[in-house]
Amino acid sequence: MRAGPLRHLCTLRALTETKDELNQPVKGWADIGKVWAEIKTPSGRMYDAASQMQAQISAEINIRYRRDVVAGQHLVHDGITYEIIAPLPTNQRDMLKLMCKTVTPHE
């Protein structure tokens, strides 16, 4: 894919567990890195197909292939947080199509 459509700079975040001053486990979101993405909202027939796959799909996001992207991680762009439902690699393993839903982050 040409770089042109990848015009949204996003932050990839993962849920991590650290210890507080009392050595108790504390869960929180940590930044993994920045990725360039193409964010599309499903419409028409594509939305119907996405709805059958997952009832809550609200965005389809394309990024360059990364091995560390898994379901449950978050992608943040312009104040909107997307939860990755399914990362789907292309056959050539050069791109990832992320089926996502919009969520309210809990920090």
C-alpha atoms as a PDB file:
ATOM      1  CA  MET A   1       0.000   0.000   0.000  1.00  0.00           C
ATOM      2  CA  ARG A   2       1.192   3.462  -0.810  1.00  0.00           C
ATOM      3  CA  ALA A   3       1.792   5.775   2.128  1.00  0.00           C
ATOM      4  CA  GLY A   4      -0.849   8.286   0.932  1.00  0.00           C
ATOM      5  CA  PRO A   5      -3.896   6.626   2.555  1.00  0.00           C
ATOM      6  CA  LEU A   6      -1.980   6.146   5.834  1.00  0.00           C
ATOM      7  CA  ARG A   7      -2.542   9.736   6.928  1.00  0.00           C
ATOM      8  CA  HIS A   8      -3.731   9.304  10.522  1.00  0.00           C
ATOM      9  CA  LEU A   9      -0.985   9.219  13.156  1.00  0.00           C
ATOM     10  CA  CYS A  10      -2.231   6.948  15.968  1.00  0.00           C
ATOM     11  CA  THR A  11      -0.905   5.710  19.294  1.00  0.00           C
ATOM     12  CA  LEU A  12      -0.978   1.953  19.884  1.00  0.00           C
ATOM     13  CA  ARG A  13      -1.651   1.085  23.541  1.00  0.00           C
ATOM     14  CA  ALA A  14      -1.643  -2.166  25.526  1.00  0.00           C
ATOM     15  CA  LEU A  15      -2.941  -3.073  28.973  1.00  0.00           C
ATOM     16  CA  THR A  16      -0.016  -3.619  31.344  1.00  0.00           C
ATOM     17  CA  GLU A  17       0.339  -4.573  34.971  1.00  0.00           C
ATOM     18  CA  THR A  18       2.775  -2.805  37.295  1.00  0.00           C
ATOM     19  CA  LYS A  19       3.271  -2.690  41.063  1.00  0.00           C
ATOM     20  CA  ASP A  20       2.403   0.287  43.254  1.00  0.00           C
ATOM     21  CA  GLU A  21       4.360   1.459  46.334  1.00  0.00           C
ATOM     22  CA  LEU A  22       2.659  -1.248  48.431  1.00  0.00           C
ATOM     23  CA  ASN A  23       3.700  -3.897  45.885  1.00  0.00           C
ATOM     24  CA  GLN A  24       0.074  -4.381  44.806  1.00  0.00           C
ATOM     25  CA  PRO A  25      -0.663  -5.074  41.121  1.00  0.00           C
ATOM     26  CA  VAL A  26      -2.013  -2.080  39.205  1.00  0.00           C
ATOM     27  CA  LYS A  27      -3.365  -2.361  35.653  1.00  0.00           C
ATOM     28  CA  GLY A  28      -3.096   0.527  33.233  1.00  0.00           C
ATOM     29  CA  TRP A  29      -2.647   1.424  29.579  1.00  0.00           C
ATOM     30  CA  ALA A  30       0.870   1.950  28.244  1.00  0.00           C
ATOM     31  CA  ASP A  31       1.917   3.312  24.866  1.00  0.00           C
ATOM     32  CA  ILE A  32       3.572   0.741  22.595  1.00  0.00           C
ATOM     33  CA  GLY A  33       4.338   3.133  19.775  1.00  0.00           C
ATOM     34  CA  LYS A  34       3.070   5.389  17.026  1.00  0.00           C
ATOM     35  CA  VAL A  35       1.636   3.988  13.782  1.00  0.00           C
ATOM     36  CA  TRP A  36       0.363   5.583  10.600  1.00  0.00           C
ATOM     37  CA  ALA A  37      -3.123   4.361   9.759  1.00  0.00           C
ATOM     38  CA  GLU A  38      -6.039   4.678   7.375  1.00  0.00           C
ATOM     39  CA  ILE A  39      -9.270   4.919   9.384  1.00  0.00           C
ATOM     40  CA  LYS A  40     -12.517   4.057   7.609  1.00  0.00           C
ATOM     41  CA  THR A  41     -16.004   3.711   9.035  1.00  0.00           C
ATOM     42  CA  PRO A  42     -18.009   0.841   7.509  1.00  0.00           C
ATOM     43  CA  SER A  43     -21.023   1.765   5.433  1.00  0.00           C
ATOM     44  CA  GLY A  44     -23.602  -0.005   3.303  1.00  0.00           C
ATOM     45  CA  ARG A  45     -22.840  -3.623   2.450  1.00  0.00           C
ATOM     46  CA  MET A  46     -19.443  -3.576   4.182  1.00  0.00           C
ATOM     47  CA  TYR A  47     -21.173  -2.568   7.437  1.00  0.00           C
ATOM     48  CA  ASP A  48     -23.620  -5.468   7.160  1.00  0.00           C
ATOM     49  CA  ALA A  49     -20.753  -7.944   6.695  1.00  0.00           C
ATOM     50  CA  ALA A  50     -18.841  -6.438   9.611  1.00  0.00           C
ATOM     51  CA  SER A  51     -21.960  -6.556  11.772  1.00  0.00           C
ATOM     52  CA  GLN A  52     -22.298 -10.269  11.175  1.00  0.00           C
ATOM     53  CA  MET A  53     -18.689 -10.776  12.237  1.00  0.00           C
ATOM     54  CA  GLN A  54     -18.992  -8.608  15.349  1.00  0.00           C
ATOM     55  CA  ALA A  55     -22.041  -6.711  16.495  1.00  0.00           C
ATOM     56  CA  GLN A  56     -20.028  -3.651  17.554  1.00  0.00           C
ATOM     57  CA  ILE A  57     -17.630  -2.977  14.665  1.00  0.00           C
ATOM     58  CA  SER A  58     -17.468   0.786  14.217  1.00  0.00           C
ATOM     59  CA  ALA A  59     -14.233   1.250  12.248  1.00  0.00           C
ATOM     60  CA  GLU A  60     -11.904  -0.544   9.894  1.00  0.00           C
ATOM     61  CA  ILE A  61      -8.313   0.597  10.321  1.00  0.00           C
ATOM     62  CA  ASN A  62      -5.440  -0.332   8.000  1.00  0.00           C
ATOM     63  CA  ILE A  63      -1.848  -0.185   9.246  1.00  0.00           C
ATOM     64  CA  ARG A  64       1.460  -1.618   8.125  1.00  0.00           C
ATOM     65  CA  TYR A  65       2.028  -5.168   9.376  1.00  0.00           C
ATOM     66  CA  ARG A  66       3.262  -5.544  12.958  1.00  0.00           C
ATOM     67  CA  ARG A  67       3.626  -8.779  14.902  1.00  0.00           C
ATOM     68  CA  ASP A  68       2.845  -7.200  18.272  1.00  0.00           C
ATOM     69  CA  VAL A  69      -0.726  -6.110  17.432  1.00  0.00           C
ATOM     70  CA  VAL A  70      -3.335  -8.324  19.125  1.00  0.00           C
ATOM     71  CA  ALA A  71      -7.035  -8.189  19.936  1.00  0.00           C
ATOM     72  CA  GLY A  72      -7.831  -6.143  23.036  1.00  0.00           C
ATOM     73  CA  GLN A  73      -5.228  -3.452  22.425  1.00  0.00           C
ATOM     74  CA  HIS A  74      -6.283   0.151  21.819  1.00  0.00           C
ATOM     75  CA  LEU A  75      -5.516   2.560  18.997  1.00  0.00           C
ATOM     76  CA  VAL A  76      -5.963   6.254  19.844  1.00  0.00           C
ATOM     77  CA  HIS A  77      -6.412   8.960  17.212  1.00  0.00           C
ATOM     78  CA  ASP A  78      -7.508  12.545  17.756  1.00  0.00           C
ATOM     79  CA  GLY A  79      -9.075  11.808  21.153  1.00  0.00           C
ATOM     80  CA  ILE A  80     -11.005   8.752  19.919  1.00  0.00           C
ATOM     81  CA  THR A  81     -10.075   5.346  21.340  1.00  0.00           C
ATOM     82  CA  TYR A  82     -10.642   2.235  19.237  1.00  0.00           C
ATOM     83  CA  GLU A  83     -10.472  -1.267  20.715  1.00  0.00           C
ATOM     84  CA  ILE A  84      -9.003  -3.828  18.332  1.00  0.00           C
ATOM     85  CA  ILE A  85     -11.488  -6.683  17.942  1.00  0.00           C
ATOM     86  CA  ALA A  86      -9.670  -8.622  15.207  1.00  0.00           C
ATOM     87  CA  PRO A  87      -6.304  -7.935  13.542  1.00  0.00           C
ATOM     88  CA  LEU A  88      -6.489  -9.496  10.065  1.00  0.00           C
ATOM     89  CA  PRO A  89      -3.176  -9.728   8.141  1.00  0.00           C
ATOM     90  CA  THR A  90      -3.081  -9.722   4.351  1.00  0.00           C
ATOM     91  CA  ASN A  91      -1.750 -12.790   2.546  1.00  0.00           C
ATOM     92  CA  GLN A  92       1.516 -10.955   1.821  1.00  0.00           C
ATOM     93  CA  ARG A  93       1.841  -9.954   5.510  1.00  0.00           C
ATOM     94  CA  ASP A  94       2.478  -6.352   4.523  1.00  0.00           C
ATOM     95  CA  MET A  95      -0.699  -4.809   5.996  1.00  0.00           C
ATOM     96  CA  LEU A  96      -3.060  -5.398   8.911  1.00  0.00           C
ATOM     97  CA  LYS A  97      -6.785  -4.716   8.659  1.00  0.00           C
ATOM     98  CA  LEU A  98      -7.992  -3.964  12.184  1.00  0.00           C
ATOM     99  CA  MET A  99     -11.680  -4.462  12.905  1.00  0.00           C
ATOM    100  CA  CYS A 100     -12.335  -2.066  15.785  1.00  0.00           C
ATOM    101  CA  LYS A 101     -15.021  -0.611  17.991  1.00  0.00           C
ATOM    102  CA  THR A 102     -15.044   2.790  19.634  1.00  0.00           C
ATOM    103  CA  VAL A 103     -14.637   2.628  23.418  1.00  0.00           C
ATOM    104  CA  THR A 104     -14.351   4.968  26.372  1.00  0.00           C
ATOM    105  CA  PRO A 105     -10.866   4.540  27.856  1.00  0.00           C
ATOM    106  CA  HIS A 106     -10.574   3.680  31.544  1.00  0.00           C
ATOM    107  CA  GLU A 107      -7.310   5.066  32.834  1.00  0.00           C
END
